[in-house]
Protein backbone atom coordinates (compact mmCIF):
# COMPACT_ATOMS: atom_id res chain seq x y z
CA MET A 1 -2.73 0.50 -21.84
CA GLU A 2 -2.46 -3.04 -20.48
CA THR A 3 0.28 -4.30 -18.20
CA LYS A 4 1.29 -7.85 -19.10
CA ASP A 5 3.62 -10.38 -17.51
CA SER A 6 6.32 -12.38 -19.30
CA ASN A 7 3.70 -14.83 -20.62
CA GLY A 8 1.36 -12.13 -21.93
CA THR A 9 -1.18 -12.48 -19.10
CA THR A 10 -2.82 -9.20 -18.10
CA LEU A 11 -1.91 -7.94 -14.62
CA ALA A 12 -4.10 -5.85 -12.31
CA ASP A 13 -3.64 -4.00 -9.02
CA GLY A 14 -3.47 -6.44 -6.11
CA ASP A 15 -2.36 -9.46 -8.16
CA SER A 16 0.30 -11.86 -6.92
CA VAL A 17 3.29 -12.55 -9.17
CA THR A 18 6.28 -14.90 -9.17
CA VAL A 19 9.84 -13.90 -10.09
CA ILE A 20 11.14 -16.02 -13.02
CA LYS A 21 14.85 -15.13 -12.73
CA ASP A 22 17.25 -14.27 -9.87
CA LEU A 23 17.35 -10.47 -9.63
CA LYS A 24 19.78 -8.23 -7.78
CA VAL A 25 18.10 -5.09 -6.43
CA LYS A 26 20.10 -1.94 -7.25
CA GLY A 27 21.30 0.02 -4.23
CA SER A 28 20.54 -2.84 -1.87
CA SER A 29 21.93 -6.18 -0.77
CA ILE A 30 18.60 -7.90 -1.55
CA VAL A 31 18.60 -10.69 -4.15
CA LEU A 32 15.18 -11.87 -5.31
CA LYS A 33 15.47 -15.59 -5.99
CA ARG A 34 13.62 -17.32 -8.82
CA GLY A 35 10.22 -18.49 -7.58
CA THR A 36 9.78 -15.69 -5.01
CA LEU A 37 6.08 -14.86 -4.59
CA ILE A 38 5.25 -11.16 -4.46
CA LYS A 39 1.75 -10.23 -3.32
CA LYS A 40 -0.35 -7.10 -3.86
CA ILE A 41 1.47 -5.47 -6.77
CA ARG A 42 0.55 -1.95 -7.83
CA LEU A 43 0.52 -0.85 -11.46
CA THR A 44 2.54 2.23 -12.46
CA ASP A 45 2.21 4.73 -15.32
CA ASP A 46 4.75 2.62 -17.25
CA GLU A 47 3.13 -0.57 -18.57
CA GLU A 48 6.49 -2.41 -18.34
CA GLU A 49 6.90 -1.82 -14.58
CA VAL A 50 5.03 -2.66 -11.37
CA ASP A 51 5.53 -1.34 -7.84
CA CYS A 52 5.66 -3.79 -4.93
CA ARG A 53 6.97 -4.34 -1.41
CA VAL A 54 9.72 -6.90 -0.74
CA GLU A 55 11.25 -7.41 2.70
CA GLY A 56 9.85 -4.07 3.85
CA SER A 57 11.26 -2.12 0.90
CA SER A 58 9.19 -0.61 -1.88
CA ILE A 59 10.72 -1.49 -5.26
CA VAL A 60 9.80 -1.31 -8.94
CA LEU A 61 10.18 -4.45 -11.04
CA LYS A 62 10.11 -4.97 -14.80
CA THR A 63 7.19 -7.14 -15.90
CA CYS A 64 9.45 -9.18 -18.21
CA PHE A 65 10.83 -10.89 -15.06
CA LEU A 66 7.41 -11.72 -13.58
CA LYS A 67 4.62 -14.19 -14.17
CA LYS A 68 1.14 -14.12 -12.67
CA ALA A 69 0.76 -16.55 -9.76
């Protein structure tokens, strides 16, 4: 099971990724703008999702909205 970003690049624990589209975070007032750099991602059991920390909150993002930095 390989986790891949929107370009098909393999992701690993601790990688940095960039958001490729403005995303509203459910249940929060946070909006992740395109180009936001997210460091130290963690892989989950689902190959289409990664866990990360943004502005002090732990959130899960779909890999189709990310590209490896």
